[in-house]
Amino acid sequence: MENLDDFKKAHYRKKVCVADEGGVVFFDPGSIKDVVGAEKMKYDEYLDVQIASLGKQRSYFATCYFNIPLEFKGKVERITKSNICFERIYISGMFSDGTMFDGKEEHVWMNKNGFGPFNIGDCVQFTAEVYRYLKTSNGKFIDYSLRNPTGITKIQSYDLPTDEELMIQEINSIICETCYLNEHCSYVSCMRPKKEIQQLKKQMFQMMKK
């Protein structure tokens, strides 16, 4: 963001969401009421807190917020009287054009309601609503999280993707998005030589592991 004042002035009180490096800023005054804990916040403070939050938010939950979350999986790390914490949440979702995406977020707290008698170490699968909330534990910033889980099912630990599997999925996605043949591709089978793709995947995998 080159000039903060010009950025705010250009979109001030308009019913728009503007993507910037590190996230999205909501300029619609009515969007304040959708942020849990920020309902009484003044508009100018709301903008400033959003801008200060850029780059600090859970980016994959944000992606789900603007697209279609399909499924979440996680391993229970902690349980308190009212809440449950997942060591990691694995995300499966779909963009509006039908393209699939996967990701993960670390140490996710949710309300325990609906999760039943699970124990630390249990692995579960569920769907949930992604929402925005005001976080105040270490200064004010707006982040994304999950609530209202449904379809909760206990699963085995081997049903959770490994870091390497997620890395491979990300590599496959990057290769497809940047491929010089993507405008001619059916996305059913790759048009490039198999050995070329395998070598490219191997090189990218080694780079991402460092």
N, C-alpha and C. Protein backbone atom coordinates (compact mmCIF):
# COMPACT_ATOMS: atom_id res chain seq x y z
N MET A 1 0.85 -1.18 0.00
CA MET A 1 0.00 0.00 0.00
C MET A 1 0.89 1.24 0.00
N GLU A 2 0.91 1.98 -1.12
CA GLU A 2 1.84 3.08 -1.26
C GLU A 2 1.43 4.29 -0.43
N ASN A 3 0.17 4.66 -0.46
CA ASN A 3 -0.29 5.84 0.26
C ASN A 3 -1.59 5.49 0.98
N LEU A 4 -1.49 5.42 2.30
CA LEU A 4 -2.63 5.00 3.11
C LEU A 4 -3.81 5.96 3.00
N ASP A 5 -3.54 7.25 3.05
CA ASP A 5 -4.62 8.25 2.97
C ASP A 5 -5.35 8.17 1.65
N ASP A 6 -4.60 8.03 0.54
CA ASP A 6 -5.24 7.94 -0.77
C ASP A 6 -6.04 6.64 -0.89
N PHE A 7 -5.51 5.56 -0.32
CA PHE A 7 -6.19 4.27 -0.35
C PHE A 7 -7.54 4.37 0.36
N LYS A 8 -7.56 4.96 1.54
CA LYS A 8 -8.81 5.09 2.30
C LYS A 8 -9.78 6.04 1.61
N LYS A 9 -9.27 7.15 1.10
CA LYS A 9 -10.11 8.15 0.46
C LYS A 9 -10.79 7.60 -0.79
N ALA A 10 -10.09 6.77 -1.55
CA ALA A 10 -10.61 6.24 -2.81
C ALA A 10 -11.82 5.33 -2.60
N HIS A 11 -11.90 4.68 -1.43
CA HIS A 11 -12.96 3.68 -1.22
C HIS A 11 -13.83 3.99 0.00
N TYR A 12 -13.63 5.13 0.62
CA TYR A 12 -14.26 5.46 1.89
C TYR A 12 -15.78 5.32 1.84
N ARG A 13 -16.31 4.46 2.73
CA ARG A 13 -17.74 4.20 2.90
C ARG A 13 -18.43 3.61 1.66
N LYS A 14 -17.65 3.12 0.72
CA LYS A 14 -18.25 2.45 -0.43
C LYS A 14 -18.53 0.99 -0.08
N LYS A 15 -19.50 0.40 -0.72
CA LYS A 15 -19.85 -0.99 -0.45
C LYS A 15 -18.96 -1.92 -1.28
N VAL A 16 -17.67 -1.90 -0.93
CA VAL A 16 -16.70 -2.69 -1.66
C VAL A 16 -15.73 -3.37 -0.69
N CYS A 17 -15.12 -4.45 -1.18
CA CYS A 17 -14.00 -5.09 -0.49
C CYS A 17 -12.79 -4.92 -1.41
N VAL A 18 -11.69 -4.45 -0.87
CA VAL A 18 -10.52 -4.17 -1.68
C VAL A 18 -9.37 -5.07 -1.25
N ALA A 19 -8.86 -5.86 -2.19
CA ALA A 19 -7.74 -6.74 -1.91
C ALA A 19 -6.45 -5.94 -1.92
N ASP A 20 -5.64 -6.15 -0.91
CA ASP A 20 -4.33 -5.51 -0.84
C ASP A 20 -3.33 -6.57 -0.39
N GLU A 21 -2.07 -6.24 -0.43
CA GLU A 21 -1.06 -7.19 0.01
C GLU A 21 -1.32 -7.59 1.46
N GLY A 22 -1.52 -8.88 1.69
CA GLY A 22 -1.74 -9.35 3.05
C GLY A 22 -3.19 -9.56 3.44
N GLY A 23 -4.14 -9.24 2.53
CA GLY A 23 -5.54 -9.49 2.89
C GLY A 23 -6.51 -8.58 2.16
N VAL A 24 -7.71 -8.46 2.75
CA VAL A 24 -8.80 -7.70 2.14
C VAL A 24 -9.33 -6.69 3.15
N VAL A 25 -9.64 -5.49 2.68
CA VAL A 25 -10.22 -4.45 3.53
C VAL A 25 -11.67 -4.24 3.12
N PHE A 26 -12.59 -4.31 4.10
CA PHE A 26 -14.01 -4.08 3.88
C PHE A 26 -14.30 -2.60 4.13
N PHE A 27 -14.79 -1.89 3.11
CA PHE A 27 -15.09 -0.46 3.26
C PHE A 27 -16.56 -0.20 3.55
N ASP A 28 -17.41 -1.17 3.35
CA ASP A 28 -18.84 -1.01 3.60
C ASP A 28 -19.08 -0.83 5.10
N PRO A 29 -19.66 0.30 5.54
CA PRO A 29 -19.91 0.49 6.97
C PRO A 29 -20.77 -0.61 7.58
N GLY A 30 -21.65 -1.19 6.78
CA GLY A 30 -22.53 -2.24 7.28
C GLY A 30 -21.80 -3.53 7.61
N SER A 31 -20.57 -3.69 7.10
CA SER A 31 -19.83 -4.92 7.36
C SER A 31 -19.30 -5.01 8.79
N ILE A 32 -19.33 -3.88 9.51
CA ILE A 32 -18.87 -3.90 10.91
C ILE A 32 -19.69 -4.88 11.73
N LYS A 33 -20.99 -4.92 11.48
CA LYS A 33 -21.87 -5.78 12.28
C LYS A 33 -21.60 -7.26 12.07
N ASP A 34 -20.88 -7.60 11.02
CA ASP A 34 -20.57 -9.00 10.76
C ASP A 34 -19.30 -9.46 11.48
N VAL A 35 -18.60 -8.55 12.12
CA VAL A 35 -17.37 -8.88 12.83
C VAL A 35 -17.71 -9.05 14.31
N VAL A 36 -17.61 -10.27 14.81
CA VAL A 36 -17.95 -10.54 16.21
C VAL A 36 -17.03 -9.74 17.13
N GLY A 37 -17.65 -8.96 18.01
CA GLY A 37 -16.89 -8.15 18.96
C GLY A 37 -16.62 -6.74 18.50
N ALA A 38 -16.93 -6.43 17.23
CA ALA A 38 -16.63 -5.09 16.70
C ALA A 38 -17.89 -4.29 16.41
N GLU A 39 -19.04 -4.79 16.83
CA GLU A 39 -20.31 -4.18 16.46
C GLU A 39 -20.42 -2.70 16.85
N LYS A 40 -19.77 -2.30 17.94
CA LYS A 40 -19.86 -0.91 18.43
C LYS A 40 -18.66 -0.07 18.01
N MET A 41 -17.80 -0.62 17.19
CA MET A 41 -16.60 0.10 16.76
C MET A 41 -16.97 1.21 15.77
N LYS A 42 -16.33 2.37 15.91
CA LYS A 42 -16.53 3.47 14.97
C LYS A 42 -15.90 3.12 13.62
N TYR A 43 -16.45 3.71 12.55
CA TYR A 43 -16.04 3.35 11.20
C TYR A 43 -14.55 3.57 10.95
N ASP A 44 -14.03 4.73 11.33
CA ASP A 44 -12.62 5.03 11.06
C ASP A 44 -11.70 4.08 11.82
N GLU A 45 -12.06 3.73 13.05
CA GLU A 45 -11.26 2.77 13.80
C GLU A 45 -11.33 1.40 13.13
N TYR A 46 -12.50 1.06 12.65
CA TYR A 46 -12.69 -0.22 11.94
C TYR A 46 -11.76 -0.32 10.75
N LEU A 47 -11.66 0.74 9.96
CA LEU A 47 -10.74 0.73 8.82
C LEU A 47 -9.30 0.60 9.27
N ASP A 48 -8.93 1.37 10.29
CA ASP A 48 -7.54 1.34 10.75
C ASP A 48 -7.15 -0.03 11.29
N VAL A 49 -8.07 -0.67 12.02
CA VAL A 49 -7.79 -2.00 12.58
C VAL A 49 -7.66 -3.02 11.45
N GLN A 50 -8.52 -2.92 10.43
CA GLN A 50 -8.41 -3.83 9.30
C GLN A 50 -7.06 -3.69 8.60
N ILE A 51 -6.66 -2.47 8.37
CA ILE A 51 -5.39 -2.22 7.68
C ILE A 51 -4.22 -2.72 8.51
N ALA A 52 -4.30 -2.52 9.83
CA ALA A 52 -3.25 -3.01 10.73
C ALA A 52 -3.22 -4.53 10.78
N SER A 53 -4.33 -5.17 10.41
CA SER A 53 -4.44 -6.63 10.46
C SER A 53 -3.88 -7.31 9.23
N LEU A 54 -3.64 -6.55 8.17
CA LEU A 54 -3.16 -7.15 6.92
C LEU A 54 -1.83 -7.88 7.15
N GLY A 55 -1.78 -9.10 6.67
CA GLY A 55 -0.58 -9.91 6.82
C GLY A 55 -0.51 -10.70 8.11
N LYS A 56 -1.46 -10.46 9.02
CA LYS A 56 -1.47 -11.16 10.31
C LYS A 56 -2.59 -12.19 10.40
N GLN A 57 -3.46 -12.21 9.41
CA GLN A 57 -4.66 -13.03 9.49
C GLN A 57 -4.43 -14.45 9.00
N ARG A 58 -5.36 -15.33 9.35
CA ARG A 58 -5.31 -16.71 8.88
C ARG A 58 -5.74 -16.72 7.42
N SER A 59 -4.76 -16.82 6.53
CA SER A 59 -5.03 -16.60 5.11
C SER A 59 -5.91 -17.68 4.48
N TYR A 60 -5.78 -18.94 4.94
CA TYR A 60 -6.60 -19.99 4.34
C TYR A 60 -8.05 -19.90 4.81
N PHE A 61 -8.27 -19.48 6.06
CA PHE A 61 -9.64 -19.24 6.51
C PHE A 61 -10.24 -18.07 5.73
N ALA A 62 -9.41 -17.05 5.46
CA ALA A 62 -9.88 -15.92 4.67
C ALA A 62 -10.28 -16.37 3.26
N THR A 63 -9.48 -17.26 2.68
CA THR A 63 -9.81 -17.81 1.36
C THR A 63 -11.15 -18.53 1.39
N CYS A 64 -11.38 -19.29 2.46
CA CYS A 64 -12.67 -19.98 2.63
C CYS A 64 -13.81 -18.99 2.75
N TYR A 65 -13.58 -17.88 3.45
CA TYR A 65 -14.62 -16.87 3.69
C TYR A 65 -15.15 -16.32 2.37
N PHE A 66 -14.25 -16.13 1.40
CA PHE A 66 -14.65 -15.54 0.13
C PHE A 66 -14.98 -16.59 -0.93
N ASN A 67 -14.84 -17.86 -0.59
CA ASN A 67 -15.11 -18.92 -1.55
C ASN A 67 -15.99 -20.00 -0.89
N ILE A 68 -15.72 -21.25 -1.14
CA ILE A 68 -16.60 -22.32 -0.65
C ILE A 68 -15.79 -23.33 0.16
N PRO A 69 -15.89 -23.28 1.50
CA PRO A 69 -15.22 -24.31 2.31
C PRO A 69 -15.99 -25.62 2.21
N LEU A 70 -15.29 -26.71 2.00
CA LEU A 70 -15.94 -28.00 1.85
C LEU A 70 -15.80 -28.88 3.08
N GLU A 71 -14.61 -28.88 3.70
CA GLU A 71 -14.37 -29.81 4.78
C GLU A 71 -13.17 -29.36 5.61
N PHE A 72 -13.26 -29.61 6.91
CA PHE A 72 -12.15 -29.34 7.82
C PHE A 72 -11.82 -30.62 8.59
N LYS A 73 -10.53 -30.83 8.82
CA LYS A 73 -10.08 -31.96 9.61
C LYS A 73 -9.06 -31.46 10.63
N GLY A 74 -9.05 -32.08 11.82
CA GLY A 74 -8.09 -31.65 12.81
C GLY A 74 -7.88 -32.65 13.92
N LYS A 75 -6.78 -32.45 14.64
CA LYS A 75 -6.43 -33.29 15.79
C LYS A 75 -6.58 -32.46 17.06
N VAL A 76 -7.34 -32.97 18.02
CA VAL A 76 -7.60 -32.23 19.26
C VAL A 76 -6.31 -32.09 20.07
N GLU A 77 -5.98 -30.85 20.40
CA GLU A 77 -4.76 -30.57 21.15
C GLU A 77 -5.05 -30.23 22.61
N ARG A 78 -6.11 -29.44 22.85
CA ARG A 78 -6.48 -29.04 24.22
C ARG A 78 -7.99 -28.95 24.33
N ILE A 79 -8.49 -29.17 25.54
CA ILE A 79 -9.92 -29.04 25.81
C ILE A 79 -10.09 -28.29 27.12
N THR A 80 -10.90 -27.23 27.11
CA THR A 80 -11.23 -26.51 28.33
C THR A 80 -12.72 -26.67 28.59
N LYS A 81 -13.22 -25.97 29.58
CA LYS A 81 -14.63 -26.09 29.93
C LYS A 81 -15.55 -25.70 28.77
N SER A 82 -15.14 -24.66 28.02
CA SER A 82 -16.01 -24.13 26.97
C SER A 82 -15.47 -24.28 25.56
N ASN A 83 -14.17 -24.55 25.43
CA ASN A 83 -13.56 -24.51 24.11
C ASN A 83 -12.72 -25.75 23.81
N ILE A 84 -12.41 -25.90 22.55
CA ILE A 84 -11.57 -27.00 22.09
C ILE A 84 -10.52 -26.42 21.14
N CYS A 85 -9.29 -26.88 21.24
CA CYS A 85 -8.22 -26.38 20.40
C CYS A 85 -7.69 -27.51 19.52
N PHE A 86 -7.54 -27.21 18.24
CA PHE A 86 -6.98 -28.18 17.30
C PHE A 86 -5.53 -27.82 17.02
N GLU A 87 -4.68 -28.82 17.13
CA GLU A 87 -3.26 -28.61 16.85
C GLU A 87 -3.06 -28.03 15.46
N ARG A 88 -3.87 -28.48 14.54
CA ARG A 88 -3.82 -28.00 13.16
C ARG A 88 -5.15 -28.31 12.50
N ILE A 89 -5.64 -27.37 11.71
CA ILE A 89 -6.85 -27.60 10.93
C ILE A 89 -6.46 -27.72 9.46
N TYR A 90 -6.84 -28.83 8.84
CA TYR A 90 -6.61 -29.05 7.42
C TYR A 90 -7.87 -28.63 6.67
N ILE A 91 -7.69 -27.93 5.59
CA ILE A 91 -8.79 -27.28 4.88
C ILE A 91 -8.90 -27.81 3.46
N SER A 92 -10.13 -28.14 3.06
CA SER A 92 -10.43 -28.44 1.66
C SER A 92 -11.53 -27.48 1.22
N GLY A 93 -11.30 -26.81 0.10
CA GLY A 93 -12.29 -25.85 -0.37
C GLY A 93 -12.32 -25.75 -1.88
N MET A 94 -13.20 -24.87 -2.36
CA MET A 94 -13.36 -24.72 -3.80
C MET A 94 -13.53 -23.24 -4.14
N PHE A 95 -12.78 -22.78 -5.15
CA PHE A 95 -12.97 -21.42 -5.66
C PHE A 95 -14.26 -21.36 -6.47
N SER A 96 -14.73 -20.15 -6.73
CA SER A 96 -16.00 -19.99 -7.44
C SER A 96 -15.96 -20.55 -8.86
N ASP A 97 -14.75 -20.71 -9.43
CA ASP A 97 -14.66 -21.26 -10.78
C ASP A 97 -14.60 -22.79 -10.79
N GLY A 98 -14.72 -23.39 -9.60
CA GLY A 98 -14.70 -24.85 -9.50
C GLY A 98 -13.35 -25.44 -9.20
N THR A 99 -12.30 -24.63 -9.19
CA THR A 99 -10.96 -25.11 -8.86
C THR A 99 -10.87 -25.41 -7.37
N MET A 100 -10.26 -26.53 -7.01
CA MET A 100 -10.14 -26.94 -5.62
C MET A 100 -8.87 -26.34 -4.99
N PHE A 101 -8.90 -26.16 -3.68
CA PHE A 101 -7.71 -25.73 -2.96
C PHE A 101 -7.64 -26.44 -1.61
N ASP A 102 -6.43 -26.58 -1.10
CA ASP A 102 -6.18 -27.19 0.20
C ASP A 102 -5.25 -26.28 1.00
N GLY A 103 -5.32 -26.38 2.31
CA GLY A 103 -4.44 -25.57 3.14
C GLY A 103 -4.50 -26.03 4.58
N LYS A 104 -3.87 -25.25 5.46
CA LYS A 104 -3.87 -25.59 6.89
C LYS A 104 -3.70 -24.33 7.72
N GLU A 105 -4.23 -24.36 8.92
CA GLU A 105 -4.04 -23.31 9.91
C GLU A 105 -3.65 -23.96 11.24
N GLU A 106 -2.77 -23.29 11.97
CA GLU A 106 -2.24 -23.86 13.20
C GLU A 106 -3.01 -23.39 14.43
N HIS A 107 -3.11 -24.25 15.42
CA HIS A 107 -3.64 -23.95 16.76
C HIS A 107 -4.95 -23.13 16.70
N VAL A 108 -6.00 -23.80 16.29
CA VAL A 108 -7.30 -23.17 16.10
C VAL A 108 -8.22 -23.49 17.27
N TRP A 109 -8.70 -22.44 17.95
CA TRP A 109 -9.66 -22.60 19.04
C TRP A 109 -11.08 -22.44 18.52
N MET A 110 -11.99 -23.30 19.00
CA MET A 110 -13.41 -23.20 18.67
C MET A 110 -14.23 -23.45 19.92
N ASN A 111 -15.48 -22.98 19.88
CA ASN A 111 -16.41 -23.32 20.96
C ASN A 111 -16.64 -24.83 20.95
N LYS A 112 -16.70 -25.42 22.13
CA LYS A 112 -16.80 -26.88 22.24
C LYS A 112 -18.17 -27.43 21.89
N ASN A 113 -19.17 -26.57 21.86
CA ASN A 113 -20.53 -27.03 21.59
C ASN A 113 -20.61 -27.79 20.26
N GLY A 114 -21.17 -28.97 20.33
CA GLY A 114 -21.36 -29.79 19.14
C GLY A 114 -20.30 -30.84 18.94
N PHE A 115 -19.15 -30.70 19.62
CA PHE A 115 -18.07 -31.63 19.39
C PHE A 115 -18.16 -32.91 20.22
N GLY A 116 -19.05 -32.92 21.21
CA GLY A 116 -19.26 -34.16 21.94
C GLY A 116 -18.08 -34.56 22.82
N PRO A 117 -18.07 -35.82 23.26
CA PRO A 117 -17.07 -36.28 24.23
C PRO A 117 -15.75 -36.71 23.60
N PHE A 118 -15.09 -35.81 22.89
CA PHE A 118 -13.80 -36.15 22.31
C PHE A 118 -12.69 -35.97 23.35
N ASN A 119 -11.57 -36.63 23.10
CA ASN A 119 -10.43 -36.57 24.00
C ASN A 119 -9.23 -35.97 23.27
N ILE A 120 -8.25 -35.52 24.03
CA ILE A 120 -7.02 -35.01 23.45
C ILE A 120 -6.37 -36.12 22.61
N GLY A 121 -5.98 -35.77 21.39
CA GLY A 121 -5.39 -36.74 20.48
C GLY A 121 -6.37 -37.30 19.46
N ASP A 122 -7.68 -37.14 19.71
CA ASP A 122 -8.67 -37.60 18.74
C ASP A 122 -8.62 -36.75 17.47
N CYS A 123 -8.94 -37.37 16.35
CA CYS A 123 -8.98 -36.67 15.06
C CYS A 123 -10.42 -36.62 14.57
N VAL A 124 -10.84 -35.46 14.08
CA VAL A 124 -12.23 -35.30 13.66
C VAL A 124 -12.31 -34.61 12.30
N GLN A 125 -13.44 -34.81 11.68
CA GLN A 125 -13.75 -34.22 10.39
C GLN A 125 -15.10 -33.51 10.52
N PHE A 126 -15.23 -32.31 9.93
CA PHE A 126 -16.49 -31.56 10.08
C PHE A 126 -16.57 -30.46 9.03
N THR A 127 -17.74 -29.86 8.94
CA THR A 127 -17.92 -28.63 8.18
C THR A 127 -18.21 -27.52 9.17
N ALA A 128 -18.01 -26.27 8.78
CA ALA A 128 -18.21 -25.16 9.71
C ALA A 128 -18.34 -23.86 8.93
N GLU A 129 -18.85 -22.86 9.62
CA GLU A 129 -18.96 -21.51 9.07
C GLU A 129 -17.68 -20.74 9.38
N VAL A 130 -17.15 -20.05 8.37
CA VAL A 130 -16.01 -19.17 8.58
C VAL A 130 -16.54 -17.77 8.89
N TYR A 131 -16.01 -17.13 9.92
CA TYR A 131 -16.49 -15.81 10.31
C TYR A 131 -15.33 -14.90 10.68
N ARG A 132 -15.60 -13.61 10.74
CA ARG A 132 -14.61 -12.61 11.13
C ARG A 132 -14.86 -12.21 12.59
N TYR A 133 -13.78 -11.96 13.31
CA TYR A 133 -13.94 -11.54 14.71
C TYR A 133 -12.83 -10.58 15.10
N LEU A 134 -13.11 -9.78 16.14
CA LEU A 134 -12.13 -8.84 16.67
C LEU A 134 -11.33 -9.51 17.76
N LYS A 135 -10.03 -9.60 17.57
CA LYS A 135 -9.13 -10.20 18.55
C LYS A 135 -8.47 -9.08 19.35
N THR A 136 -8.50 -9.18 20.68
CA THR A 136 -8.00 -8.10 21.52
C THR A 136 -6.95 -8.54 22.53
N SER A 137 -6.47 -9.78 22.42
CA SER A 137 -5.55 -10.30 23.43
C SER A 137 -4.18 -9.63 23.37
N ASN A 138 -3.78 -9.16 22.21
CA ASN A 138 -2.47 -8.52 22.06
C ASN A 138 -2.59 -7.37 21.06
N GLY A 139 -3.36 -6.36 21.46
CA GLY A 139 -3.71 -5.30 20.52
C GLY A 139 -4.91 -5.72 19.70
N LYS A 140 -5.53 -4.78 19.03
CA LYS A 140 -6.72 -5.08 18.24
C LYS A 140 -6.37 -5.46 16.81
N PHE A 141 -6.89 -6.59 16.36
CA PHE A 141 -6.86 -6.88 14.94
C PHE A 141 -7.98 -7.86 14.61
N ILE A 142 -8.36 -7.86 13.35
CA ILE A 142 -9.49 -8.66 12.88
C ILE A 142 -8.97 -9.90 12.18
N ASP A 143 -9.48 -11.05 12.59
CA ASP A 143 -9.02 -12.31 12.03
C ASP A 143 -10.22 -13.16 11.64
N TYR A 144 -9.93 -14.34 11.10
CA TYR A 144 -10.96 -15.30 10.65
C TYR A 144 -10.86 -16.57 11.48
N SER A 145 -12.02 -17.17 11.78
CA SER A 145 -12.02 -18.44 12.50
C SER A 145 -13.25 -19.25 12.10
N LEU A 146 -13.51 -20.34 12.85
CA LEU A 146 -14.61 -21.26 12.53
C LEU A 146 -15.62 -21.31 13.65
N ARG A 147 -16.89 -21.51 13.30
CA ARG A 147 -17.95 -21.67 14.29
C ARG A 147 -19.06 -22.53 13.70
N ASN A 148 -20.01 -22.90 14.56
CA ASN A 148 -21.19 -23.68 14.16
C ASN A 148 -20.83 -24.94 13.38
N PRO A 149 -20.02 -25.82 13.97
CA PRO A 149 -19.63 -27.05 13.26
C PRO A 149 -20.81 -27.99 13.06
N THR A 150 -20.81 -28.69 11.94
CA THR A 150 -21.84 -29.70 11.66
C THR A 150 -21.16 -30.91 11.03
N GLY A 151 -21.90 -32.01 10.97
CA GLY A 151 -21.38 -33.22 10.35
C GLY A 151 -20.10 -33.72 10.98
N ILE A 152 -20.01 -33.61 12.30
CA ILE A 152 -18.78 -33.95 13.02
C ILE A 152 -18.63 -35.47 13.08
N THR A 153 -17.47 -35.96 12.64
CA THR A 153 -17.20 -37.39 12.61
C THR A 153 -15.78 -37.66 13.11
N LYS A 154 -15.64 -38.66 13.94
CA LYS A 154 -14.31 -39.06 14.38
C LYS A 154 -13.63 -39.85 13.26
N ILE A 155 -12.37 -39.54 13.00
CA ILE A 155 -11.62 -40.22 11.95
C ILE A 155 -10.30 -40.74 12.52
N GLN A 156 -9.59 -41.51 11.73
CA GLN A 156 -8.29 -42.02 12.14
C GLN A 156 -7.19 -41.02 11.79
N SER A 157 -6.10 -41.06 12.51
CA SER A 157 -5.03 -40.10 12.30
C SER A 157 -4.44 -40.19 10.90
N TYR A 158 -4.48 -41.39 10.30
CA TYR A 158 -3.90 -41.53 8.96
C TYR A 158 -4.77 -40.87 7.89
N ASP A 159 -5.99 -40.44 8.27
CA ASP A 159 -6.83 -39.72 7.32
C ASP A 159 -6.44 -38.25 7.22
N LEU A 160 -5.57 -37.79 8.12
CA LEU A 160 -5.10 -36.42 8.04
C LEU A 160 -3.94 -36.34 7.05
N PRO A 161 -3.93 -35.32 6.19
CA PRO A 161 -2.82 -35.22 5.23
C PRO A 161 -1.52 -34.88 5.93
N THR A 162 -0.42 -35.36 5.40
CA THR A 162 0.89 -35.03 5.94
C THR A 162 1.36 -33.71 5.35
N ASP A 163 2.39 -33.12 5.95
CA ASP A 163 2.94 -31.88 5.42
C ASP A 163 3.44 -32.08 3.98
N GLU A 164 4.03 -33.25 3.72
CA GLU A 164 4.53 -33.51 2.37
C GLU A 164 3.39 -33.59 1.36
N GLU A 165 2.27 -34.21 1.75
CA GLU A 165 1.13 -34.30 0.85
C GLU A 165 0.57 -32.90 0.53
N LEU A 166 0.49 -32.05 1.56
CA LEU A 166 0.03 -30.68 1.33
C LEU A 166 0.99 -29.92 0.44
N MET A 167 2.28 -30.15 0.63
CA MET A 167 3.29 -29.50 -0.18
C MET A 167 3.17 -29.91 -1.64
N ILE A 168 2.94 -31.20 -1.87
CA ILE A 168 2.78 -31.72 -3.23
C ILE A 168 1.54 -31.12 -3.88
N GLN A 169 0.44 -31.00 -3.13
CA GLN A 169 -0.77 -30.39 -3.66
C GLN A 169 -0.52 -28.94 -4.05
N GLU A 170 0.22 -28.22 -3.21
CA GLU A 170 0.53 -26.82 -3.51
C GLU A 170 1.41 -26.71 -4.75
N ILE A 171 2.39 -27.60 -4.87
CA ILE A 171 3.26 -27.61 -6.05
C ILE A 171 2.46 -27.87 -7.31
N ASN A 172 1.57 -28.85 -7.27
CA ASN A 172 0.73 -29.17 -8.43
C ASN A 172 -0.11 -27.95 -8.84
N SER A 173 -0.64 -27.25 -7.85
CA SER A 173 -1.45 -26.07 -8.12
C SER A 173 -0.62 -24.97 -8.76
N ILE A 174 0.58 -24.73 -8.22
CA ILE A 174 1.45 -23.69 -8.76
C ILE A 174 1.84 -24.00 -10.20
N ILE A 175 2.17 -25.26 -10.47
CA ILE A 175 2.57 -25.66 -11.82
C ILE A 175 1.43 -25.42 -12.81
N CYS A 176 0.21 -25.79 -12.41
CA CYS A 176 -0.94 -25.59 -13.31
C CYS A 176 -1.22 -24.11 -13.54
N GLU A 177 -1.15 -23.30 -12.48
CA GLU A 177 -1.48 -21.88 -12.59
C GLU A 177 -0.47 -21.12 -13.43
N THR A 178 0.79 -21.56 -13.41
CA THR A 178 1.85 -20.83 -14.11
C THR A 178 2.26 -21.48 -15.43
N CYS A 179 1.59 -22.55 -15.80
CA CYS A 179 1.97 -23.30 -17.01
C CYS A 179 1.71 -22.47 -18.28
N TYR A 180 2.64 -22.53 -19.22
CA TYR A 180 2.49 -21.78 -20.47
C TYR A 180 1.40 -22.38 -21.37
N LEU A 181 0.89 -23.54 -21.00
CA LEU A 181 -0.17 -24.18 -21.78
C LEU A 181 -1.54 -24.10 -21.10
N ASN A 182 -1.63 -23.35 -20.00
CA ASN A 182 -2.87 -23.43 -19.21
C ASN A 182 -4.11 -22.92 -19.96
N GLU A 183 -3.94 -22.04 -20.94
CA GLU A 183 -5.10 -21.55 -21.69
C GLU A 183 -5.64 -22.61 -22.66
N HIS A 184 -4.85 -23.63 -22.90
CA HIS A 184 -5.27 -24.69 -23.83
C HIS A 184 -5.53 -26.01 -23.12
N CYS A 185 -5.41 -26.01 -21.80
CA CYS A 185 -5.47 -27.25 -21.04
C CYS A 185 -6.90 -27.59 -20.63
N SER A 186 -7.22 -28.86 -20.64
CA SER A 186 -8.54 -29.32 -20.21
C SER A 186 -8.58 -29.57 -18.70
N TYR A 187 -7.41 -29.55 -18.03
CA TYR A 187 -7.26 -29.83 -16.61
C TYR A 187 -7.65 -31.27 -16.25
N VAL A 188 -7.76 -32.12 -17.28
CA VAL A 188 -8.02 -33.54 -17.06
C VAL A 188 -6.71 -34.31 -17.10
N SER A 189 -5.90 -34.05 -18.12
CA SER A 189 -4.59 -34.67 -18.22
C SER A 189 -3.59 -33.62 -18.68
N CYS A 190 -2.37 -33.70 -18.17
CA CYS A 190 -1.34 -32.70 -18.46
C CYS A 190 -0.84 -32.86 -19.90
N MET A 191 -0.66 -31.73 -20.59
CA MET A 191 -0.22 -31.73 -21.98
C MET A 191 1.30 -31.71 -22.09
N ARG A 192 2.00 -31.43 -21.00
CA ARG A 192 3.45 -31.33 -21.05
C ARG A 192 4.09 -32.72 -20.90
N PRO A 193 5.32 -32.91 -21.37
CA PRO A 193 5.99 -34.21 -21.25
C PRO A 193 6.07 -34.67 -19.79
N LYS A 194 5.78 -35.93 -19.57
CA LYS A 194 5.72 -36.48 -18.21
C LYS A 194 7.04 -36.31 -17.47
N LYS A 195 8.17 -36.57 -18.14
CA LYS A 195 9.48 -36.46 -17.49
C LYS A 195 9.77 -35.01 -17.10
N GLU A 196 9.34 -34.08 -17.95
CA GLU A 196 9.54 -32.65 -17.66
C GLU A 196 8.80 -32.24 -16.40
N ILE A 197 7.55 -32.67 -16.27
CA ILE A 197 6.74 -32.33 -15.11
C ILE A 197 7.30 -33.00 -13.86
N GLN A 198 7.69 -34.24 -13.95
CA GLN A 198 8.24 -34.94 -12.79
C GLN A 198 9.51 -34.27 -12.29
N GLN A 199 10.36 -33.83 -13.19
CA GLN A 199 11.60 -33.15 -12.81
C GLN A 199 11.29 -31.79 -12.17
N LEU A 200 10.33 -31.08 -12.72
CA LEU A 200 9.93 -29.79 -12.17
C LEU A 200 9.37 -29.94 -10.76
N LYS A 201 8.51 -30.95 -10.56
CA LYS A 201 7.95 -31.20 -9.24
C LYS A 201 9.04 -31.55 -8.23
N LYS A 202 9.99 -32.36 -8.66
CA LYS A 202 11.09 -32.76 -7.77
C LYS A 202 11.91 -31.55 -7.36
N GLN A 203 12.23 -30.66 -8.30
CA GLN A 203 13.01 -29.46 -8.00
C GLN A 203 12.26 -28.54 -7.05
N MET A 204 10.98 -28.34 -7.29
CA MET A 204 10.17 -27.46 -6.44
C MET A 204 10.03 -28.05 -5.04
N PHE A 205 9.86 -29.36 -4.96
CA PHE A 205 9.71 -30.01 -3.66
C PHE A 205 10.98 -29.82 -2.82
N GLN A 206 12.13 -29.98 -3.44
CA GLN A 206 13.39 -29.80 -2.73
C GLN A 206 13.57 -28.36 -2.27
N MET A 207 13.16 -27.41 -3.10
CA MET A 207 13.26 -26.00 -2.74
C MET A 207 12.34 -25.64 -1.57
N MET A 208 11.13 -26.19 -1.57
CA MET A 208 10.16 -25.86 -0.51
C MET A 208 10.50 -26.53 0.80
N LYS A 209 11.24 -27.62 0.77
CA LYS A 209 11.62 -28.32 2.00
C LYS A 209 12.74 -27.60 2.74
N LYS A 210 13.48 -26.74 2.05
CA LYS A 210 14.62 -26.05 2.69
C LYS A 210 14.13 -25.00 3.67
